[in-house]
Protein backbone atom coordinates (compact mmCIF):
# COMPACT_ATOMS: atom_id res chain seq x y z
CA MET A 1 9.99 -11.62 -22.86
CA ASP A 2 8.12 -9.96 -20.02
CA ASP A 3 11.40 -9.20 -18.22
CA PHE A 4 12.78 -7.68 -21.40
CA ILE A 5 9.79 -5.37 -21.83
CA GLY A 6 9.85 -4.45 -18.16
CA GLN A 7 13.55 -3.55 -18.42
CA LYS A 8 12.85 -1.37 -21.46
CA ILE A 9 10.24 0.54 -19.46
CA ARG A 10 12.61 1.01 -16.54
CA ASN A 11 15.36 2.22 -18.89
CA ALA A 12 12.95 4.63 -20.54
CA LEU A 13 11.97 6.14 -17.22
CA THR A 14 15.59 6.96 -16.42
CA ASP A 15 15.66 9.31 -19.42
CA ILE A 16 12.01 10.31 -19.58
CA GLU A 17 12.50 13.68 -21.28
CA ARG A 18 13.46 12.11 -24.57
CA LEU A 19 10.04 10.45 -24.74
CA LYS A 20 8.25 13.79 -24.86
CA THR A 21 6.62 14.53 -28.20
CA PRO A 22 4.92 17.61 -29.70
CA GLU A 23 1.60 15.85 -29.06
CA CYS A 24 2.15 15.74 -25.28
CA PRO A 25 -0.42 17.97 -23.53
CA GLY A 26 0.47 20.68 -21.04
CA PHE A 27 -0.84 20.86 -17.49
CA ASN A 28 -3.77 23.09 -18.44
CA ALA A 29 -4.96 20.51 -20.95
CA ILE A 30 -4.59 17.75 -18.36
CA GLY A 31 -6.62 19.83 -15.92
CA LEU A 32 -9.44 20.26 -18.44
CA TYR A 33 -9.41 16.52 -19.04
CA VAL A 34 -9.62 15.76 -15.32
CA GLU A 35 -12.45 18.27 -14.90
CA GLU A 36 -14.25 16.70 -17.87
CA LYS A 37 -14.49 20.09 -19.58
CA ILE A 38 -13.62 18.82 -23.05
CA SER A 39 -15.76 17.26 -25.76
CA GLU A 40 -16.27 13.52 -26.02
CA GLY A 41 -14.09 13.34 -29.12
CA GLU A 42 -11.31 15.29 -27.45
CA ARG A 43 -11.60 13.10 -24.37
CA ILE A 44 -11.20 9.88 -26.39
CA ALA A 45 -8.22 11.26 -28.31
CA PHE A 46 -6.67 12.54 -25.10
CA GLN A 47 -7.12 9.22 -23.33
CA GLN A 48 -5.62 7.31 -26.26
CA HIS A 49 -2.58 9.54 -26.03
CA LEU A 50 -2.26 9.04 -22.27
CA GLU A 51 -2.49 5.28 -22.62
CA SER A 52 0.43 5.22 -25.06
CA CYS A 53 2.71 7.96 -23.72
CA LEU A 54 5.16 7.04 -20.99
CA PHE A 55 6.26 10.66 -20.63
CA CYS A 56 2.78 11.90 -19.72
CA THR A 57 2.13 8.88 -17.52
CA HIS A 58 5.35 9.55 -15.62
CA GLN A 59 4.51 13.25 -15.24
CA LEU A 60 1.07 12.42 -13.87
CA ASN A 61 2.52 9.98 -11.37
CA GLU A 62 5.01 12.59 -10.19
CA VAL A 63 2.15 15.02 -9.57
CA ALA A 64 0.22 12.32 -7.69
CA GLU A 65 3.23 11.76 -5.44
CA LEU A 66 3.64 15.49 -4.86
CA LEU A 67 -0.05 15.79 -4.05
CA ASN A 68 0.29 13.03 -1.45
CA TYR A 69 3.19 14.88 0.18
CA GLN A 70 1.15 18.08 0.21
CA LYS A 71 -1.78 16.35 1.91
CA LYS A 72 0.47 14.91 4.62
CA GLU A 73 1.99 18.38 5.15
CA VAL A 74 5.52 17.05 5.26
CA SER A 75 8.69 18.44 3.72
CA LEU A 76 9.45 17.46 0.17
CA SER A 77 12.59 15.50 -0.53
CA PRO A 78 15.29 17.28 -2.60
CA ARG A 79 14.42 15.06 -5.58
CA LEU A 80 10.75 16.01 -5.42
CA THR A 81 11.53 19.69 -4.85
CA SER A 82 13.71 19.64 -7.94
CA LYS A 83 11.02 17.83 -9.88
CA LEU A 84 8.42 20.32 -8.68
CA LYS A 85 10.48 23.18 -10.06
CA GLU A 86 10.75 21.40 -13.41
CA LEU A 87 7.08 20.45 -13.63
CA LEU A 88 5.66 23.79 -12.57
CA ALA A 89 8.06 26.21 -14.20
CA ALA A 90 6.40 29.35 -15.59
CA PRO A 91 5.48 29.05 -19.30
CA ASP A 92 7.02 32.48 -19.99
CA LYS A 93 10.64 32.00 -19.01
CA ASN A 94 11.47 35.62 -19.79
CA ARG A 95 9.10 36.89 -17.11
CA GLN A 96 10.91 38.16 -14.02
CA ALA A 97 9.18 36.79 -10.95
CA ASP A 98 9.84 35.07 -7.69
CA PRO A 99 10.23 31.40 -8.72
CA TRP A 100 8.53 30.12 -5.58
CA ALA A 101 5.61 32.49 -6.15
CA THR A 102 5.29 30.99 -9.60
CA LEU A 103 5.37 27.50 -8.11
CA LYS A 104 2.70 28.43 -5.60
CA GLU A 105 0.48 29.85 -8.33
CA SER A 106 0.95 26.74 -10.45
CA LEU A 107 0.19 24.47 -7.50
CA ASN A 108 -2.97 26.41 -6.76
CA ASN A 109 -4.03 25.97 -10.37
CA TYR A 110 -3.39 22.27 -10.15
CA PHE A 111 -5.29 21.84 -6.89
CA ASN A 112 -8.22 23.74 -8.43
CA TRP A 113 -8.44 20.93 -10.97
CA LYS A 114 -9.52 18.72 -8.11
CA MET A 115 -12.87 20.53 -8.13
CA LEU A 116 -14.47 17.77 -10.14
CA ALA A 117 -17.22 15.18 -9.75
CA VAL A 118 -17.26 13.64 -6.28
CA GLY A 119 -15.47 10.33 -6.20
CA MET A 120 -12.92 11.11 -8.96
CA ALA A 121 -9.64 12.20 -7.38
CA SER A 122 -7.08 13.78 -9.68
CA ALA A 123 -4.48 11.13 -8.90
CA CYS A 124 -6.73 8.51 -10.48
CA VAL A 125 -5.98 9.85 -13.96
CA ALA A 126 -2.35 8.98 -13.45
CA ILE A 127 -3.31 5.60 -12.12
CA PHE A 128 -5.57 4.69 -15.02
CA ALA A 129 -2.89 5.76 -17.48
CA THR A 130 -0.23 3.78 -15.63
CA LEU A 131 -2.35 0.64 -15.56
CA ALA A 132 -3.09 1.00 -19.26
CA VAL A 133 0.64 1.17 -20.07
CA VAL A 134 1.41 -1.80 -17.82
CA ARG A 135 -1.40 -3.86 -19.33
CA ASN A 136 -0.20 -3.09 -22.82
CA ALA A 137 3.38 -3.98 -21.92
CA LEU A 138 2.77 -7.04 -19.79
CA ASP A 139 -0.12 -9.32 -20.62
CA THR A 140 -0.14 -10.86 -17.14
CA PRO A 141 0.54 -8.83 -13.97
CA VAL A 142 3.16 -10.17 -11.59
CA LEU A 143 1.05 -11.60 -8.78
CA PRO A 144 2.47 -12.06 -5.29
CA ALA A 145 2.49 -15.49 -3.69
CA ILE A 146 -0.52 -15.57 -1.35
CA ASN A 147 -1.41 -18.35 1.06
CA ARG A 148 -5.08 -18.99 0.33
CA ASN A 149 -5.34 -20.65 3.74
CA SER A 150 -5.12 -17.13 5.19
CA PHE A 151 -8.74 -16.56 4.15
CA VAL A 152 -11.71 -17.98 6.01
CA ASN A 153 -15.38 -18.58 5.34
CA ILE A 154 -17.78 -16.79 7.67
CA LYS A 155 -21.45 -17.61 8.18
CA ALA A 156 -23.69 -15.16 10.01
CA MET A 157 -26.19 -17.30 11.89
CA ALA A 158 -29.70 -16.47 13.05
CA GLU A 159 -30.93 -17.45 16.51
CA ASP A 160 -32.76 -20.47 15.03
CA GLY A 161 -29.60 -21.73 13.29
CA ARG A 162 -30.37 -20.41 9.80
CA THR A 163 -27.51 -18.97 7.73
CA LEU A 164 -28.26 -15.32 7.10
CA SER A 165 -25.17 -14.57 5.03
CA ASP A 166 -22.10 -16.38 3.77
CA PHE A 167 -18.99 -14.27 3.17
CA GLN A 168 -15.22 -14.02 3.41
CA GLY A 169 -12.84 -12.98 6.15
CA VAL A 170 -9.08 -12.64 6.33
CA ILE A 171 -6.76 -13.78 9.11
CA VAL A 172 -5.08 -10.70 10.56
CA ASN A 173 -2.55 -12.39 12.82
CA ARG A 174 -1.51 -15.85 14.02
CA LYS A 175 -3.18 -15.34 17.40
CA GLY A 176 -6.73 -15.70 16.13
CA LEU A 177 -7.86 -12.27 14.91
CA ILE A 178 -10.19 -12.35 11.89
CA ALA A 179 -11.25 -9.25 9.93
CA SER A 180 -14.40 -8.97 7.84
CA ASN A 181 -17.01 -6.46 6.80
CA LEU A 182 -19.50 -5.47 9.47
CA ALA A 183 -22.55 -5.23 7.20
CA PRO A 184 -23.24 -9.00 6.85
CA LEU A 185 -23.33 -9.37 10.66
CA ALA A 186 -26.02 -6.75 11.25
CA LYS A 187 -28.87 -9.21 11.96
CA ALA A 188 -26.87 -12.18 13.23
CA SER A 189 -26.92 -13.82 16.66
CA SER A 190 -23.67 -15.76 16.25
CA VAL A 191 -20.91 -16.43 13.74
CA ARG A 192 -19.39 -19.63 12.40
CA ILE A 193 -15.84 -19.34 11.06
CA THR A 194 -14.40 -22.13 8.90
CA LEU A 195 -10.73 -22.42 8.00
CA ASN A 196 -9.59 -23.83 4.67
CA ASP A 197 -8.72 -27.13 6.35
CA GLY A 198 -12.35 -27.49 7.45
CA THR A 199 -11.81 -26.60 11.11
CA THR A 200 -14.83 -24.70 12.43
CA TYR A 201 -15.08 -22.17 15.25
CA ASN A 202 -18.08 -20.41 16.73
CA THR A 203 -17.98 -16.95 18.25
CA ASN A 204 -20.59 -14.69 19.78
CA THR A 205 -18.56 -11.51 20.16
CA VAL A 206 -17.21 -8.88 17.79
CA TRP A 207 -15.27 -5.60 17.87
CA PRO A 208 -17.25 -3.38 15.47
CA ASP A 209 -16.29 -0.13 13.73
CA GLU A 210 -19.36 1.45 12.14
CA ASN A 211 -17.31 4.26 10.64
CA ARG A 212 -15.34 1.77 8.54
CA ASN A 213 -17.67 -1.22 7.95
CA LEU A 214 -15.14 -3.30 9.86
CA ALA A 215 -15.67 -6.25 12.20
CA ILE A 216 -12.86 -7.95 14.12
CA MET A 217 -13.48 -11.39 15.65
CA LYS A 218 -11.23 -13.68 17.67
CA ILE A 219 -11.01 -17.47 17.68
CA SER A 220 -9.04 -19.79 19.97
CA HIS A 221 -6.04 -20.55 17.81
CA GLU A 222 -2.37 -19.71 18.31
CA ALA A 223 -0.84 -20.58 14.92
CA LEU A 224 -3.05 -19.36 12.08
CA PRO A 225 -1.63 -18.99 8.55
CA ASN A 226 -1.93 -15.22 8.32
CA ILE A 227 -0.71 -12.86 5.60
CA PRO A 228 1.95 -10.54 7.10
CA ALA A 229 0.56 -7.00 7.35
CA GLU A 230 2.23 -4.12 5.56
CA GLU A 231 3.18 -1.12 7.69
CA ILE A 232 0.63 1.34 6.34
CA LYS A 233 3.01 4.29 6.79
CA GLU A 234 5.22 2.68 4.16
CA ALA A 235 2.43 2.60 1.55
CA THR A 236 2.51 5.29 -1.13
CA VAL A 237 0.21 6.81 -3.70
CA GLY A 238 0.78 4.99 -6.99
CA GLU A 239 1.71 1.68 -5.33
CA THR A 240 0.41 -1.43 -7.11
CA VAL A 241 -1.93 -3.61 -5.06
CA PHE A 242 -4.15 -6.62 -5.72
CA LEU A 243 -7.79 -7.21 -4.81
CA MET A 244 -8.09 -10.76 -3.48
CA ASP A 245 -11.60 -12.24 -3.63
CA ALA A 246 -10.53 -15.52 -2.08
CA ALA A 247 -14.14 -16.67 -1.68
CA ASP A 248 -13.94 -17.57 -5.38
CA ASN A 249 -10.81 -19.67 -5.89
CA ARG A 250 -11.34 -19.56 -9.65
CA SER A 251 -11.00 -15.80 -9.86
CA LYS A 252 -7.69 -14.08 -10.45
CA PRO A 253 -6.74 -11.11 -8.28
CA SER A 254 -7.53 -7.77 -9.88
CA GLN A 255 -4.69 -5.30 -10.22
CA ALA A 256 -5.20 -1.85 -8.72
CA VAL A 257 -3.25 1.16 -7.50
CA ILE A 258 -3.45 3.22 -4.31
CA SER A 259 -4.76 6.61 -5.40
CA ASP A 260 -5.14 8.46 -2.09
CA PHE A 261 -5.30 8.25 1.70
CA LYS A 262 -8.12 9.64 3.84
CA TYR A 263 -7.20 10.48 7.42
CA PHE A 264 -9.24 10.37 10.61
CA PRO A 265 -10.74 13.76 11.54
CA GLY A 266 -9.14 15.43 14.54
CA ARG A 267 -5.90 17.10 15.58
CA HIS A 268 -4.30 14.07 17.19
CA LYS A 269 -5.23 11.70 14.39
CA ASP A 270 -3.82 13.62 11.42
CA GLY A 271 -1.27 10.92 10.71
CA GLU A 272 -3.65 7.98 11.16
CA ILE A 273 -5.21 6.64 7.98
CA GLN A 274 -8.93 5.99 8.09
CA TYR A 275 -9.44 4.89 4.48
CA ILE A 276 -7.25 3.78 1.59
CA GLN A 277 -8.63 4.91 -1.76
CA ILE A 278 -7.77 2.67 -4.69
CA ALA A 279 -8.44 2.73 -8.41
CA SER A 280 -8.68 -0.25 -10.74
CA PHE A 281 -10.13 -1.30 -14.06
CA SER A 282 -12.34 -3.86 -12.37
CA LYS A 283 -15.95 -2.77 -11.91
CA THR A 284 -17.17 -6.00 -10.32
CA ILE A 285 -15.04 -6.85 -7.29
CA ASN A 286 -16.09 -4.80 -4.28
CA LYS A 287 -15.12 -7.14 -1.47
CA GLY A 288 -12.12 -9.03 -0.17
CA ALA A 289 -8.59 -8.15 0.92
CA LEU A 290 -6.03 -5.76 -0.46
CA VAL A 291 -2.51 -7.17 -0.86
CA ASP A 292 0.65 -5.39 -2.01
CA GLY A 293 3.20 -6.54 -4.57
CA ASN A 294 5.24 -8.26 -1.87
CA GLY A 295 2.31 -10.36 -0.73
CA LYS A 296 1.68 -8.32 2.42
CA LEU A 297 -1.80 -7.54 3.71
CA VAL A 298 -2.68 -3.87 3.21
CA GLY A 299 -6.37 -3.66 4.04
CA LEU A 300 -9.95 -4.82 3.65
CA ILE A 301 -12.25 -3.47 0.96
CA ILE A 302 -15.34 -1.88 2.48
CA SER A 303 -17.13 -0.01 -0.31
CA SER A 304 -17.15 0.64 -4.03
CA GLU A 305 -18.22 3.76 -5.91
CA LYS A 306 -17.92 3.25 -9.68
CA ASN A 307 -14.20 2.75 -10.41
CA ILE A 308 -13.07 4.02 -7.01
CA LYS A 309 -12.96 1.68 -4.06
CA MET A 310 -12.22 2.24 -0.39
CA ALA A 311 -10.38 -0.08 1.97
CA VAL A 312 -9.40 0.12 5.65
CA PRO A 313 -5.88 -0.62 6.94
CA LEU A 314 -5.40 -3.84 8.91
CA ASN A 315 -1.94 -3.34 10.39
CA ASP A 316 -3.04 -2.20 13.86
CA MET A 317 -5.85 -4.56 14.77
CA GLU A 318 -4.42 -5.65 18.11
CA ASP A 319 -4.30 -2.03 19.20
CA PHE A 320 -7.79 -1.60 17.77
CA ILE A 321 -9.32 -4.29 20.00
CA ASN A 322 -7.35 -3.05 23.01
CA ARG A 323 -8.94 0.38 22.62
CA ARG A 324 -12.50 -0.90 22.19
CA LYS A 325 -14.97 -3.13 23.96
CA ALA A 326 -16.17 -6.36 22.41
CA LEU A 327 -19.91 -6.60 21.88
CA PRO A 328 -22.15 -9.64 21.71
CA ILE A 329 -22.93 -10.14 18.03
CA ALA A 330 -26.63 -10.18 18.88
CA GLU A 331 -26.23 -6.59 20.13
CA LEU A 332 -25.50 -5.45 16.58
CA LYS A 333 -29.24 -5.68 15.95
CA LYS A 334 -29.67 -2.68 18.23
CA THR A 335 -27.16 -0.54 16.34
CA SER A 336 -28.10 1.66 13.43
CA PHE A 337 -25.27 0.56 11.14
CA SER A 338 -26.10 1.18 7.49
CA PRO A 339 -23.84 0.54 4.47
CA ASP A 340 -25.69 3.33 2.66
CA ALA A 341 -24.91 5.72 5.51
CA LEU A 342 -21.24 4.80 5.22
CA ASN A 343 -21.32 5.43 1.46
CA PHE A 344 -22.78 8.90 2.01
CA TYR A 345 -20.12 9.56 4.66
CA ILE A 346 -17.37 8.60 2.21
CA LYS A 347 -18.96 10.75 -0.50
CA GLY A 348 -18.91 13.62 1.97
CA ILE A 349 -15.18 13.11 2.56
CA LEU A 350 -14.53 13.08 -1.19
CA ALA A 351 -16.56 16.28 -1.60
CA ARG A 352 -14.63 17.83 1.29
CA ASP A 353 -11.34 17.05 -0.42
CA ALA A 354 -12.69 18.70 -3.58
CA GLN A 355 -13.59 21.78 -1.48
CA LYS A 356 -17.26 21.31 -2.35
CA TRP A 357 -18.59 22.19 1.06
CA ASP A 358 -22.31 22.34 0.20
CA GLU A 359 -22.07 18.88 -1.32
CA ALA A 360 -20.09 17.59 1.63
CA ILE A 361 -22.67 18.91 4.09
CA THR A 362 -25.52 17.31 2.11
CA ASN A 363 -23.82 13.92 2.12
CA TYR A 364 -22.91 14.06 5.82
CA LYS A 365 -26.53 14.91 6.64
CA LYS A 366 -27.76 11.93 4.60
CA ALA A 367 -25.29 9.67 6.39
CA ILE A 368 -26.44 10.89 9.81
CA GLN A 369 -30.10 10.55 8.86
CA LEU A 370 -29.51 6.88 8.06
CA ASN A 371 -27.20 6.30 11.03
CA PRO A 372 -27.35 8.90 13.82
CA ASN A 373 -24.48 7.12 15.60
CA LEU A 374 -21.89 7.64 12.87
CA GLU A 375 -19.37 9.51 14.99
CA GLY A 376 -17.04 10.54 12.18
CA ALA A 377 -19.87 12.03 10.12
CA HIS A 378 -20.86 14.32 13.01
CA ILE A 379 -17.28 15.56 13.44
CA GLU A 380 -16.81 16.08 9.71
CA LEU A 381 -20.16 17.90 9.48
CA GLY A 382 -19.10 20.13 12.38
CA ASN A 383 -15.86 20.95 10.57
CA ALA A 384 -17.81 21.74 7.39
CA TYR A 385 -20.17 24.05 9.30
CA TYR A 386 -17.10 25.81 10.70
CA ARG A 387 -15.85 26.45 7.18
CA GLU A 388 -19.25 27.91 6.34
CA LYS A 389 -19.24 30.04 9.54
CA GLN A 390 -22.37 28.29 10.84
CA TYR A 391 -21.00 28.15 14.37
CA GLU A 392 -24.13 27.21 16.30
CA MET A 393 -24.77 24.22 14.02
CA GLU A 394 -21.09 23.32 14.24
CA GLY A 395 -21.31 23.09 18.02
CA LYS A 396 -24.36 20.84 17.89
CA GLU A 397 -22.49 18.30 15.75
CA TYR A 398 -19.60 18.10 18.20
CA GLU A 399 -22.12 17.57 20.98
CA GLU A 400 -23.64 14.71 18.99
CA ALA A 401 -20.20 13.15 18.48
CA LEU A 402 -19.66 13.34 22.24
CA ARG A 403 -23.04 11.75 22.87
CA ILE A 404 -21.73 8.74 20.92
CA ASN A 405 -18.21 8.82 22.37
CA PRO A 406 -17.75 11.06 25.45
CA GLU A 407 -14.01 10.28 25.52
CA ASN A 408 -13.22 11.75 22.10
CA SER A 409 -10.77 14.42 23.27
CA ASP A 410 -10.60 16.05 19.84
CA ALA A 411 -14.38 16.49 19.78
CA VAL A 412 -14.24 18.00 23.30
CA TYR A 413 -11.50 20.41 22.19
CA SER A 414 -13.43 21.36 19.04
CA LEU A 415 -16.57 22.01 21.06
CA ALA A 416 -14.61 24.16 23.52
CA THR A 417 -13.12 26.21 20.68
CA ASN A 418 -16.56 26.56 19.11
CA LEU A 419 -17.97 27.85 22.41
CA MET A 420 -15.13 30.35 22.71
CA THR A 421 -15.82 31.57 19.17
CA ARG A 422 -19.43 32.11 20.21
CA LYS A 423 -18.19 33.99 23.34
CA LEU A 424 -19.66 31.37 25.66
CA TYR A 425 -16.53 31.53 27.78
CA THR A 426 -17.72 29.79 30.95
CA ARG A 427 -18.85 26.71 29.01
CA ALA A 428 -15.69 26.82 26.91
CA ILE A 429 -13.56 26.67 30.07
CA GLN A 430 -15.48 23.61 31.26
CA GLU A 431 -14.87 21.82 27.95
CA TYR A 432 -11.17 22.71 27.81
CA GLU A 433 -10.83 21.32 31.33
CA LYS A 434 -12.50 18.10 30.14
CA ALA A 435 -10.10 17.91 27.20
CA ILE A 436 -7.14 18.30 29.55
CA LYS A 437 -8.51 15.62 31.86
CA LEU A 438 -8.81 13.24 28.88
CA ASP A 439 -5.35 14.16 27.62
CA PRO A 440 -3.07 15.85 30.22
CA SER A 441 -0.39 16.36 27.54
CA ASP A 442 -2.65 18.43 25.25
CA ALA A 443 -0.66 21.67 24.99
CA ASP A 444 -3.23 23.23 22.65
CA ALA A 445 -5.98 22.75 25.23
CA PHE A 446 -3.87 24.42 27.94
CA PHE A 447 -3.04 27.31 25.61
CA MET A 448 -6.65 27.86 24.53
CA LEU A 449 -7.85 27.59 28.13
CA ALA A 450 -5.39 30.34 29.04
CA GLN A 451 -6.61 32.40 26.08
CA THR A 452 -10.18 32.03 27.29
CA TYR A 453 -9.17 33.26 30.74
CA LEU A 454 -7.56 36.30 29.10
CA TYR A 455 -10.73 37.03 27.12
CA MET A 456 -12.58 37.05 30.45
CA GLY A 457 -10.01 39.36 32.03
CA ARG A 458 -8.71 36.64 34.32
CA LYS A 459 -5.02 37.29 33.68
CA SER A 460 -3.76 35.61 36.87
CA ASP A 461 -5.64 32.38 36.02
CA ALA A 462 -4.14 32.44 32.53
CA LEU A 463 -0.58 32.95 33.79
CA ALA A 464 -1.08 30.16 36.34
CA LEU A 465 -1.02 27.80 33.34
CA TYR A 466 2.32 29.17 32.10
CA PRO A 467 4.58 26.65 33.94
CA LYS A 468 2.65 23.64 32.63
CA LEU A 469 2.53 25.07 29.13
CA MET A 470 6.26 25.77 29.32
CA GLU A 471 6.74 22.08 30.03
CA LEU A 472 4.54 20.95 27.15
CA ASP A 473 5.22 23.60 24.50
CA PRO A 474 7.68 26.41 25.31
CA GLY A 475 6.74 28.26 22.14
CA GLU A 476 3.07 28.54 23.07
CA ALA A 477 4.05 29.38 26.65
CA GLU A 478 6.09 32.39 25.49
CA ILE A 479 3.23 33.52 23.21
CA LEU A 480 0.87 33.37 26.17
CA LYS A 481 3.28 35.39 28.31
CA ALA A 482 3.71 38.03 25.59
CA ILE A 483 -0.05 38.39 25.11
CA ALA A 484 -0.61 38.71 28.87
CA GLU A 485 2.10 41.39 29.12
CA LYS A 486 0.55 43.42 26.30
CA MET A 487 -2.81 43.23 28.01
CA GLY A 488 -1.23 44.57 31.21
CA LYS A 489 0.08 47.66 29.40
CA ARG A 490 -3.34 48.72 28.14
């Protein structure tokens, strides 16, 4: 019966237009609903319609997919471009106008709908509607086959042998890497890890990530029953996932959907996902692993804000530990890690995405007040100050990020650019040179260093960088040459 219903849904989606009814709302009405600018009665009626209308659910999911493409700044596929034209066609078809101008205007209107309460991304509306339809159609979600032996029990131990906390971890790979939340380890001196077969391991070291409430530990085992990790670049907005709280074997996984991706701040990290935002009907589970419909490990849940949860990807943990130093677990007592600070940091990111800069700045400040060593919050706060043209305060935040991590080449570059904006050219040159030393292939740093030389009237020093820039980025090299030539004619 379930297969029959599922097939009917799939068939319906191949001819979705015929499911449209006179009651289906337009995009303006959907925007008002997302912004919560309608009455309670209208909201209930609207939600009832969404939960029973496959046409509107499909339209919302298409917009969520388009929004994800827009955020990644990649070219749309022909199918999506065609769909975009259909979805955002001008209401007045007799009006003579540039069709792409109309599309741009419509997109701007849609993105303005994102200016809503922090923590509620527009894509979540589509997700809630989709889950409602699926739950109505299929009483039991199709759960992937998961090896429960891939989860472990972790005890954070005090120096005197007491158990400070008892929580869950997930095996990342067969070579002994275990992922868990960092928060339960904050006051521990050692950790005891127990596999499902009762085998116990002790460890005194950890690779921590305060920006993501993530702790990676390693045990001496070469054949652990891990869940294969999904390649995070293959994950998409709208993808069904499951929240696995394996610490309670009686609980069933909760169904959820990926609603958004949050990327690391910085030029060189634009394609690297920092957080996975998910939406689900469950209001209780805020821990455990995230698994996709094929039974692959997607991430680890790190925080929960109302119906929206955040997880971190777990597909690159070997690279993660290669790039960081392991710390004695007892050293975590000296850190200023705070789950509340992380929550404020995440709220700041959500406010940033909603273009609510004052709110973003307030939340970043709260995060930093609770944890002055939250590197990402300093960088994000600096970026927010830049948007508000508060350049001196922007520079101070980049300096704080570099106090925490002097090898963050993006923070060095941002500080250099900030100094150039403030006409502090000598210091800017020093920082650009640091950025180049950290990353000799950074074409932008070479280009901006040359620009700074030109601002100082040092044309020969600027042109001395032309050969290297030509090697790294011929386009920027030619721009530099053209600018230098124009300066020579003045």
